[in-house]
Amino acid sequence: MQGRGTLQFPSGAQYEGEFKDNMYHGLGKYIFPDGSVYKGCFCNDRLEGEGTFTDAQGLSWTGDFHGEVALALKLLHNVYMDGPEIITLKSNS
């Protein structure tokens, strides 16, 4: 598959975005079976580059993703309903 498209899985997961050589490649959105969503860059079927991950509870994390590794993400949330708060998380390594 080349270009833009949508791929739905029996698990309920769905990818919508750009493909190259039958792989997620470019900008896209992946919806996980639990309702979590990743929007951003993909490279060869992997999360790669700038993106935003929103978990099933609605918390949104933004930053640079590299496969399953995403160091120093920023958590965007609204704790006191006054406006968005940004927290920078750092790796312990």
N, C-alpha and C. Protein backbone atom coordinates (compact mmCIF):
# COMPACT_ATOMS: atom_id res chain seq x y z
N MET A 1 0.85 -1.17 0.00
CA MET A 1 0.00 0.00 0.00
C MET A 1 0.89 1.24 0.00
N GLN A 2 0.55 2.21 -0.80
CA GLN A 2 1.26 3.48 -0.89
C GLN A 2 0.24 4.62 -0.76
N GLY A 3 0.65 5.73 -0.18
CA GLY A 3 -0.24 6.89 -0.06
C GLY A 3 -1.00 6.88 1.24
N ARG A 4 -2.19 7.49 1.22
CA ARG A 4 -3.03 7.59 2.43
C ARG A 4 -4.07 6.50 2.44
N GLY A 5 -4.44 6.08 3.65
CA GLY A 5 -5.47 5.07 3.77
C GLY A 5 -5.82 4.79 5.21
N THR A 6 -6.72 3.84 5.40
CA THR A 6 -7.17 3.42 6.73
C THR A 6 -7.08 1.90 6.80
N LEU A 7 -6.55 1.40 7.91
CA LEU A 7 -6.43 -0.03 8.13
C LEU A 7 -7.08 -0.35 9.46
N GLN A 8 -8.08 -1.25 9.44
CA GLN A 8 -8.78 -1.64 10.66
C GLN A 8 -8.42 -3.07 11.01
N PHE A 9 -8.24 -3.33 12.31
CA PHE A 9 -7.85 -4.64 12.81
C PHE A 9 -9.00 -5.29 13.56
N PRO A 10 -9.07 -6.63 13.59
CA PRO A 10 -10.13 -7.33 14.33
C PRO A 10 -10.17 -6.95 15.81
N SER A 11 -9.03 -6.55 16.38
CA SER A 11 -8.96 -6.17 17.80
C SER A 11 -9.71 -4.88 18.11
N GLY A 12 -10.04 -4.11 17.05
CA GLY A 12 -10.65 -2.81 17.23
C GLY A 12 -9.67 -1.67 17.00
N ALA A 13 -8.39 -2.00 16.90
CA ALA A 13 -7.37 -0.99 16.60
C ALA A 13 -7.56 -0.49 15.18
N GLN A 14 -7.09 0.74 14.93
CA GLN A 14 -7.22 1.32 13.60
C GLN A 14 -6.08 2.28 13.34
N TYR A 15 -5.53 2.23 12.13
CA TYR A 15 -4.52 3.20 11.69
C TYR A 15 -5.10 3.98 10.53
N GLU A 16 -4.92 5.28 10.59
CA GLU A 16 -5.40 6.18 9.53
C GLU A 16 -4.26 7.14 9.22
N GLY A 17 -3.76 7.10 8.00
CA GLY A 17 -2.66 8.00 7.66
C GLY A 17 -1.91 7.56 6.43
N GLU A 18 -0.62 7.89 6.42
CA GLU A 18 0.22 7.64 5.26
C GLU A 18 0.90 6.28 5.35
N PHE A 19 1.03 5.64 4.18
CA PHE A 19 1.69 4.35 4.05
C PHE A 19 2.82 4.46 3.03
N LYS A 20 3.85 3.64 3.23
CA LYS A 20 4.93 3.50 2.26
C LYS A 20 5.40 2.05 2.33
N ASP A 21 5.43 1.36 1.21
CA ASP A 21 5.85 -0.05 1.16
C ASP A 21 5.07 -0.90 2.16
N ASN A 22 3.76 -0.69 2.24
CA ASN A 22 2.86 -1.44 3.12
C ASN A 22 3.13 -1.23 4.61
N MET A 23 3.77 -0.14 4.96
CA MET A 23 4.04 0.17 6.37
C MET A 23 3.52 1.56 6.71
N TYR A 24 3.21 1.77 8.01
CA TYR A 24 2.86 3.12 8.47
C TYR A 24 4.10 3.96 8.27
N HIS A 25 3.96 5.06 7.55
CA HIS A 25 5.14 5.87 7.27
C HIS A 25 4.68 7.29 6.91
N GLY A 26 5.05 8.26 7.75
CA GLY A 26 4.61 9.63 7.57
C GLY A 26 3.67 10.01 8.70
N LEU A 27 2.78 10.94 8.46
CA LEU A 27 1.83 11.38 9.49
C LEU A 27 0.65 10.44 9.55
N GLY A 28 0.21 10.15 10.78
CA GLY A 28 -0.93 9.27 10.93
C GLY A 28 -1.50 9.29 12.33
N LYS A 29 -2.55 8.50 12.49
CA LYS A 29 -3.22 8.36 13.78
C LYS A 29 -3.48 6.87 14.01
N TYR A 30 -3.06 6.37 15.18
CA TYR A 30 -3.30 4.98 15.55
C TYR A 30 -4.20 4.97 16.76
N ILE A 31 -5.34 4.28 16.64
CA ILE A 31 -6.28 4.15 17.74
C ILE A 31 -6.13 2.73 18.29
N PHE A 32 -5.77 2.63 19.57
CA PHE A 32 -5.58 1.34 20.22
C PHE A 32 -6.92 0.76 20.64
N PRO A 33 -7.00 -0.56 20.87
CA PRO A 33 -8.27 -1.18 21.25
C PRO A 33 -8.91 -0.58 22.51
N ASP A 34 -8.10 -0.06 23.44
CA ASP A 34 -8.66 0.52 24.67
C ASP A 34 -9.12 1.96 24.51
N GLY A 35 -8.99 2.51 23.27
CA GLY A 35 -9.41 3.89 23.02
C GLY A 35 -8.29 4.90 23.08
N SER A 36 -7.09 4.50 23.51
CA SER A 36 -5.94 5.39 23.50
C SER A 36 -5.62 5.75 22.05
N VAL A 37 -5.06 6.95 21.86
CA VAL A 37 -4.78 7.43 20.50
C VAL A 37 -3.39 8.03 20.43
N TYR A 38 -2.63 7.67 19.39
CA TYR A 38 -1.37 8.32 19.08
C TYR A 38 -1.56 9.05 17.76
N LYS A 39 -1.23 10.35 17.74
CA LYS A 39 -1.25 11.15 16.51
C LYS A 39 0.14 11.72 16.32
N GLY A 40 0.71 11.48 15.14
CA GLY A 40 2.03 12.01 14.89
C GLY A 40 2.74 11.29 13.78
N CYS A 41 4.06 11.24 13.90
CA CYS A 41 4.91 10.67 12.86
C CYS A 41 5.15 9.18 13.07
N PHE A 42 5.22 8.47 11.95
CA PHE A 42 5.54 7.05 11.92
C PHE A 42 6.67 6.85 10.93
N CYS A 43 7.49 5.83 11.17
CA CYS A 43 8.55 5.45 10.23
C CYS A 43 8.68 3.94 10.27
N ASN A 44 8.41 3.29 9.14
CA ASN A 44 8.53 1.83 9.05
C ASN A 44 7.75 1.10 10.14
N ASP A 45 6.47 1.45 10.30
CA ASP A 45 5.56 0.82 11.26
C ASP A 45 5.86 1.16 12.72
N ARG A 46 6.69 2.15 12.99
CA ARG A 46 7.02 2.51 14.36
C ARG A 46 6.68 3.97 14.63
N LEU A 47 6.32 4.27 15.88
CA LEU A 47 6.15 5.66 16.29
C LEU A 47 7.53 6.29 16.23
N GLU A 48 7.68 7.35 15.47
CA GLU A 48 9.01 7.93 15.28
C GLU A 48 8.91 9.42 15.04
N GLY A 49 9.33 10.21 16.03
CA GLY A 49 9.31 11.65 15.89
C GLY A 49 8.25 12.31 16.75
N GLU A 50 7.93 13.54 16.43
CA GLU A 50 6.98 14.34 17.21
C GLU A 50 5.58 13.74 17.15
N GLY A 51 4.95 13.65 18.33
CA GLY A 51 3.60 13.11 18.36
C GLY A 51 2.92 13.38 19.69
N THR A 52 1.65 13.01 19.75
CA THR A 52 0.85 13.15 20.97
C THR A 52 0.15 11.83 21.23
N PHE A 53 0.27 11.34 22.45
CA PHE A 53 -0.42 10.12 22.88
C PHE A 53 -1.46 10.51 23.91
N THR A 54 -2.70 10.14 23.69
CA THR A 54 -3.77 10.39 24.64
C THR A 54 -4.26 9.04 25.16
N ASP A 55 -4.14 8.84 26.48
CA ASP A 55 -4.52 7.54 27.03
C ASP A 55 -6.03 7.43 27.20
N ALA A 56 -6.49 6.26 27.62
CA ALA A 56 -7.93 5.99 27.73
C ALA A 56 -8.62 6.87 28.77
N GLN A 57 -7.86 7.45 29.72
CA GLN A 57 -8.43 8.35 30.73
C GLN A 57 -8.46 9.80 30.26
N GLY A 58 -7.89 10.06 29.08
CA GLY A 58 -7.92 11.41 28.53
C GLY A 58 -6.68 12.25 28.78
N LEU A 59 -5.65 11.68 29.44
CA LEU A 59 -4.41 12.42 29.64
C LEU A 59 -3.61 12.42 28.35
N SER A 60 -3.09 13.57 27.97
CA SER A 60 -2.34 13.69 26.72
C SER A 60 -0.86 13.94 27.01
N TRP A 61 -0.03 13.18 26.32
CA TRP A 61 1.42 13.27 26.44
C TRP A 61 1.96 13.70 25.08
N THR A 62 2.87 14.65 25.07
CA THR A 62 3.43 15.12 23.81
C THR A 62 4.95 15.12 23.88
N GLY A 63 5.59 14.87 22.75
CA GLY A 63 7.05 14.86 22.72
C GLY A 63 7.57 14.05 21.55
N ASP A 64 8.83 13.63 21.68
CA ASP A 64 9.48 12.82 20.65
C ASP A 64 9.38 11.34 21.00
N PHE A 65 8.82 10.57 20.09
CA PHE A 65 8.65 9.14 20.26
C PHE A 65 9.67 8.41 19.38
N HIS A 66 10.22 7.32 19.91
CA HIS A 66 11.18 6.50 19.17
C HIS A 66 10.83 5.05 19.45
N GLY A 67 9.90 4.51 18.68
CA GLY A 67 9.41 3.15 18.92
C GLY A 67 8.66 3.11 20.23
N GLU A 68 9.12 2.27 21.16
CA GLU A 68 8.48 2.17 22.46
C GLU A 68 9.12 3.08 23.50
N VAL A 69 10.10 3.88 23.08
CA VAL A 69 10.82 4.77 23.98
C VAL A 69 10.37 6.20 23.71
N ALA A 70 10.09 6.94 24.77
CA ALA A 70 9.70 8.34 24.63
C ALA A 70 10.17 9.09 25.88
N LEU A 71 11.40 9.56 25.83
CA LEU A 71 11.98 10.25 26.99
C LEU A 71 11.54 11.71 27.03
N ALA A 72 11.44 12.26 28.23
CA ALA A 72 11.13 13.67 28.47
C ALA A 72 9.83 14.12 27.81
N LEU A 73 8.80 13.28 27.90
CA LEU A 73 7.49 13.68 27.40
C LEU A 73 6.91 14.75 28.29
N LYS A 74 6.03 15.54 27.75
CA LYS A 74 5.31 16.55 28.53
C LYS A 74 3.87 16.07 28.67
N LEU A 75 3.40 16.07 29.91
CA LEU A 75 2.02 15.69 30.19
C LEU A 75 1.18 16.95 30.16
N LEU A 76 0.20 16.98 29.28
CA LEU A 76 -0.71 18.11 29.17
C LEU A 76 -2.01 17.71 29.85
N HIS A 77 -2.38 18.42 30.88
CA HIS A 77 -3.64 18.12 31.55
C HIS A 77 -4.19 19.36 32.22
N ASN A 78 -5.38 19.25 32.72
CA ASN A 78 -6.10 20.37 33.31
C ASN A 78 -6.51 19.97 34.73
N VAL A 79 -5.62 20.15 35.71
CA VAL A 79 -5.86 19.68 37.06
C VAL A 79 -6.95 20.47 37.78
N TYR A 80 -6.88 21.79 37.77
CA TYR A 80 -7.81 22.61 38.52
C TYR A 80 -8.83 23.32 37.64
N MET A 81 -8.89 22.93 36.38
CA MET A 81 -9.82 23.51 35.42
C MET A 81 -9.54 25.00 35.18
N ASP A 82 -8.33 25.48 35.57
CA ASP A 82 -7.95 26.87 35.34
C ASP A 82 -7.31 27.06 33.96
N GLY A 83 -6.87 25.99 33.39
CA GLY A 83 -6.15 26.04 32.12
C GLY A 83 -5.15 24.91 32.07
N PRO A 84 -4.53 24.72 30.93
CA PRO A 84 -3.60 23.60 30.82
C PRO A 84 -2.34 23.79 31.65
N GLU A 85 -1.88 22.71 32.20
CA GLU A 85 -0.64 22.70 32.97
C GLU A 85 0.32 21.76 32.25
N ILE A 86 1.57 22.13 32.17
CA ILE A 86 2.56 21.29 31.49
C ILE A 86 3.57 20.81 32.53
N ILE A 87 3.77 19.50 32.57
CA ILE A 87 4.74 18.90 33.48
C ILE A 87 5.77 18.19 32.61
N THR A 88 7.04 18.44 32.84
CA THR A 88 8.09 17.75 32.09
C THR A 88 8.61 16.60 32.93
N LEU A 89 8.53 15.40 32.39
CA LEU A 89 9.01 14.20 33.08
C LEU A 89 10.39 13.88 32.55
N LYS A 90 11.30 13.52 33.46
CA LYS A 90 12.65 13.18 33.05
C LYS A 90 12.95 11.74 33.42
N SER A 91 13.76 11.11 32.60
CA SER A 91 14.15 9.72 32.82
C SER A 91 15.08 9.62 34.02
N ASN A 92 15.01 8.49 34.75
CA ASN A 92 15.89 8.27 35.88
C ASN A 92 17.22 7.68 35.45
N SER A 93 17.39 7.40 34.17
CA SER A 93 18.63 6.77 33.72
C SER A 93 19.70 7.77 33.41
